[in-house]
């Protein structure tokens, strides 16, 4: 049986815009803010001091930041970015997130049914870690996910087993370009592929017509 993977982010979940919103809410558009910390003396708080935290655009590579978030948003360093996306606000980022358009999950569920009828297994894939995984499961429950399951991968090499990948991630598109369907977004325009769609509904429509001829 053939296996197809579909990335959740950018295809179903609008993580990119939500990440910008949460970043501006807690860090600010300019990236620099004032943080308070306690100075202790013999385990007794003696005073509260303030420090201006300097942040900058980091331009991290695609393996760490496949959605180019650090190319436009400011962070103190790589560790702060990784903590921000995994530990600081996992439920705000991944659970309380909108779909990319109103019928995105409905279209995905229909695509799963269509592929299953034609003996093709579909896995939803995601790169979250730790608490972010629980938040993603909450998102899927809320949006009435009816797929075969979700695979949380840690290394991109784990995706080699799939015959086709539907994704927005620049890292996946570059490594598996020959077997990817790219969903066009504002952050993957520089990655060229042979098969481009604007959303999962277009993919569904394409394969509905394709299987009629089989």
Protein backbone atom coordinates (compact mmCIF):
# COMPACT_ATOMS: atom_id res chain seq x y z
CA UNK A 1 0.00 0.00 0.00
CA UNK A 2 1.28 3.45 -0.88
CA UNK A 3 1.74 5.97 1.92
CA UNK A 4 1.26 9.73 1.73
CA UNK A 5 2.19 12.32 4.34
CA UNK A 6 0.46 15.67 4.82
CA UNK A 7 2.06 18.40 6.93
CA UNK A 8 -0.35 19.96 9.39
CA UNK A 9 1.17 23.45 9.41
CA UNK A 10 0.40 25.68 6.46
CA UNK A 11 -1.84 22.99 4.98
CA UNK A 12 -4.44 22.78 7.75
CA UNK A 13 -3.25 24.87 10.70
CA UNK A 14 -2.25 28.52 10.30
CA UNK A 15 0.78 28.37 12.59
CA UNK A 16 2.73 31.04 10.71
CA UNK A 17 0.29 33.89 11.35
CA UNK A 18 -0.47 32.68 14.86
CA UNK A 19 3.24 32.59 15.70
CA UNK A 20 3.50 36.24 14.63
CA UNK A 21 0.50 37.15 16.79
CA UNK A 22 1.79 35.39 19.93
CA UNK A 23 5.28 36.80 19.42
CA UNK A 24 3.95 40.36 19.20
CA UNK A 25 1.69 39.76 22.21
CA UNK A 26 4.46 38.56 24.54
CA UNK A 27 7.68 39.97 23.11
CA UNK A 28 6.62 42.91 20.97
CA UNK A 29 7.11 43.90 17.37
CA UNK A 30 10.57 45.39 17.93
CA UNK A 31 11.72 42.37 19.93
CA UNK A 32 13.27 44.38 22.77
CA UNK A 33 11.44 44.62 26.06
CA UNK A 34 12.01 45.17 29.76
CA UNK A 35 12.15 42.12 31.99
CA UNK A 36 12.06 42.13 35.78
CA UNK A 37 14.16 39.88 37.97
CA UNK A 38 14.76 39.52 41.69
CA UNK A 39 18.07 40.08 43.44
CA UNK A 40 18.37 37.84 46.50
CA UNK A 41 20.39 38.38 49.64
CA UNK A 42 20.53 35.39 52.02
CA UNK A 43 17.38 33.95 50.45
CA UNK A 44 15.48 37.16 51.11
CA UNK A 45 14.39 39.34 48.23
CA UNK A 46 16.20 42.63 48.58
CA UNK A 47 15.07 44.40 45.42
CA UNK A 48 13.59 44.04 41.97
CA UNK A 49 15.71 45.11 39.04
CA UNK A 50 14.83 45.65 35.41
CA UNK A 51 16.85 44.76 32.36
CA UNK A 52 16.29 45.62 28.71
CA UNK A 53 16.53 42.40 26.71
CA UNK A 54 18.10 42.86 23.29
CA UNK A 55 16.82 40.71 20.46
CA UNK A 56 17.55 40.48 16.75
CA UNK A 57 16.58 38.67 13.55
CA UNK A 58 18.56 35.41 13.70
CA UNK A 59 18.02 34.01 10.18
CA UNK A 60 18.30 30.41 11.36
CA UNK A 61 18.60 27.67 8.77
CA UNK A 62 15.69 25.67 7.32
CA UNK A 63 16.37 22.60 9.46
CA UNK A 64 15.74 24.59 12.63
CA UNK A 65 13.25 27.08 11.23
CA UNK A 66 11.50 25.69 8.11
CA UNK A 67 8.91 28.48 8.15
CA UNK A 68 11.51 31.29 8.22
CA UNK A 69 10.07 32.77 11.41
CA UNK A 70 13.49 33.91 12.65
CA UNK A 71 13.98 35.77 9.36
CA UNK A 72 11.28 38.29 10.32
CA UNK A 73 10.80 37.95 14.09
CA UNK A 74 13.39 38.87 16.71
CA UNK A 75 14.76 36.56 19.39
CA UNK A 76 17.62 36.74 21.85
CA UNK A 77 19.26 33.59 20.51
CA UNK A 78 18.48 30.17 19.03
CA UNK A 79 17.66 28.75 22.47
CA UNK A 80 14.99 31.38 23.10
CA UNK A 81 13.39 30.65 19.73
CA UNK A 82 13.32 26.90 20.40
CA UNK A 83 11.92 27.44 23.90
CA UNK A 84 9.34 29.86 22.53
CA UNK A 85 7.98 27.36 20.00
CA UNK A 86 8.09 24.34 22.35
CA UNK A 87 7.96 25.30 26.04
CA UNK A 88 6.85 28.89 26.61
CA UNK A 89 3.46 29.05 24.88
CA UNK A 90 2.64 25.64 23.37
CA UNK A 91 -1.12 25.81 23.87
CA UNK A 92 -1.37 29.41 22.67
CA UNK A 93 0.66 28.55 19.58
CA UNK A 94 -0.57 25.10 18.61
CA UNK A 95 -3.96 24.49 20.25
CA UNK A 96 -5.54 27.95 20.07
CA UNK A 97 -4.72 28.32 16.41
CA UNK A 98 -6.96 28.93 13.40
CA UNK A 99 -7.14 26.74 10.32
CA UNK A 100 -5.69 28.24 7.14
CA UNK A 101 -9.21 28.58 5.73
CA UNK A 102 -12.66 27.55 6.97
CA UNK A 103 -12.95 24.19 5.19
CA UNK A 104 -9.30 23.11 5.49
CA UNK A 105 -9.93 20.21 7.87
CA UNK A 106 -13.08 19.16 6.03
CA UNK A 107 -11.14 19.06 2.76
CA UNK A 108 -8.33 17.09 4.38
CA UNK A 109 -10.77 14.54 5.81
CA UNK A 110 -12.34 14.14 2.36
CA UNK A 111 -8.90 13.64 0.83
CA UNK A 112 -8.17 10.88 3.36
CA UNK A 113 -11.42 9.09 2.45
CA UNK A 114 -10.62 9.40 -1.26
CA UNK A 115 -7.10 8.03 -0.89
CA UNK A 116 -8.20 5.22 1.43
CA UNK A 117 -10.75 4.09 -1.17
CA UNK A 118 -7.89 3.84 -3.62
CA UNK A 119 -5.70 1.85 -1.19
CA UNK A 120 -3.47 4.75 -0.21
CA UNK A 121 -2.74 5.40 3.48
CA UNK A 122 -2.51 9.01 4.64
CA UNK A 123 -0.58 10.18 7.69
CA UNK A 124 -0.72 13.68 9.07
CA UNK A 125 2.81 14.72 10.07
CA UNK A 126 4.13 17.32 12.48
CA UNK A 127 7.48 18.33 13.96
CA UNK A 128 6.40 19.42 17.47
CA UNK A 129 8.09 18.24 20.64
CA UNK A 130 7.12 17.86 24.30
CA UNK A 131 4.07 19.90 25.40
CA UNK A 132 3.51 21.19 21.88
CA UNK A 133 2.44 17.66 20.89
CA UNK A 134 -0.38 17.66 23.44
CA UNK A 135 -1.45 21.07 22.19
CA UNK A 136 -1.55 19.77 18.62
CA UNK A 137 -3.77 16.87 19.68
CA UNK A 138 -6.16 19.39 21.25
CA UNK A 139 -6.24 21.33 17.99
CA UNK A 140 -7.05 18.16 16.03
CA UNK A 141 -9.82 17.21 18.44
CA UNK A 142 -11.38 20.66 18.21
CA UNK A 143 -11.26 20.67 14.42
CA UNK A 144 -12.76 17.14 14.16
CA UNK A 145 -9.76 15.43 12.61
CA UNK A 146 -10.79 12.09 11.06
CA UNK A 147 -7.53 10.97 9.50
CA UNK A 148 -5.63 7.72 9.94
CA UNK A 149 -3.36 9.23 12.59
CA UNK A 150 -0.66 11.79 13.22
CA UNK A 151 3.08 11.11 13.17
CA UNK A 152 5.38 13.35 15.20
CA UNK A 153 8.79 13.12 13.59
CA UNK A 154 12.11 14.32 14.98
CA UNK A 155 14.38 13.84 11.98
CA UNK A 156 13.45 14.73 8.44
CA UNK A 157 15.00 11.45 7.28
CA UNK A 158 12.03 9.66 8.89
CA UNK A 159 9.88 10.94 6.01
CA UNK A 160 11.80 8.96 3.43
CA UNK A 161 9.30 6.09 3.75
CA UNK A 162 6.51 8.11 2.13
CA UNK A 163 5.70 7.91 -1.57
CA UNK A 164 4.41 11.50 -1.62
CA UNK A 165 4.44 14.45 0.79
CA UNK A 166 2.02 17.38 0.75
CA UNK A 167 3.70 20.21 2.62
CA UNK A 168 4.63 23.87 2.98
CA UNK A 169 7.92 23.30 4.84
CA UNK A 170 10.99 24.51 2.96
CA UNK A 171 13.21 21.87 4.58
CA UNK A 172 10.99 19.00 3.35
CA UNK A 173 10.51 20.57 -0.07
CA UNK A 174 14.25 20.83 -0.62
CA UNK A 175 15.15 17.34 0.58
CA UNK A 176 12.24 15.47 -1.04
CA UNK A 177 11.49 17.82 -3.92
CA UNK A 178 10.93 14.95 -6.38
CA UNK A 179 7.97 13.58 -4.43
CA UNK A 180 6.43 16.71 -2.91
CA UNK A 181 3.25 18.60 -3.64
CA UNK A 182 3.89 22.14 -2.49
CA UNK A 183 1.12 24.20 -0.91
CA UNK A 184 2.07 27.77 -1.75
CA UNK A 185 2.61 30.15 1.16
CA UNK A 186 4.31 33.49 1.74
CA UNK A 187 7.34 31.74 3.27
CA UNK A 188 8.12 29.04 0.69
CA UNK A 189 8.01 31.05 -2.55
CA UNK A 190 11.76 30.68 -3.12
CA UNK A 191 11.56 26.87 -3.18
CA UNK A 192 10.75 25.58 -6.66
CA UNK A 193 8.81 22.35 -7.17
CA UNK A 194 7.10 20.65 -10.09
CA UNK A 195 3.72 20.41 -8.40
CA UNK A 196 2.18 23.50 -6.81
CA UNK A 197 -1.25 24.04 -5.27
CA UNK A 198 -2.71 26.96 -3.34
CA UNK A 199 -4.51 24.85 -0.74
CA UNK A 200 -5.60 21.33 0.15
CA UNK A 201 -8.95 21.86 -1.61
CA UNK A 202 -7.13 22.18 -4.94
CA UNK A 203 -5.31 18.91 -4.19
CA UNK A 204 -8.63 17.23 -3.39
CA UNK A 205 -10.21 18.48 -6.62
CA UNK A 206 -7.22 17.32 -8.66
CA UNK A 207 -7.27 13.79 -7.29
CA UNK A 208 -11.04 13.47 -7.52
CA UNK A 209 -10.67 14.01 -11.28
CA UNK A 210 -7.55 11.85 -11.44
CA UNK A 211 -9.21 8.78 -9.89
CA UNK A 212 -12.21 9.10 -12.20
CA UNK A 213 -9.93 8.09 -15.05
CA UNK A 214 -8.57 5.01 -13.27
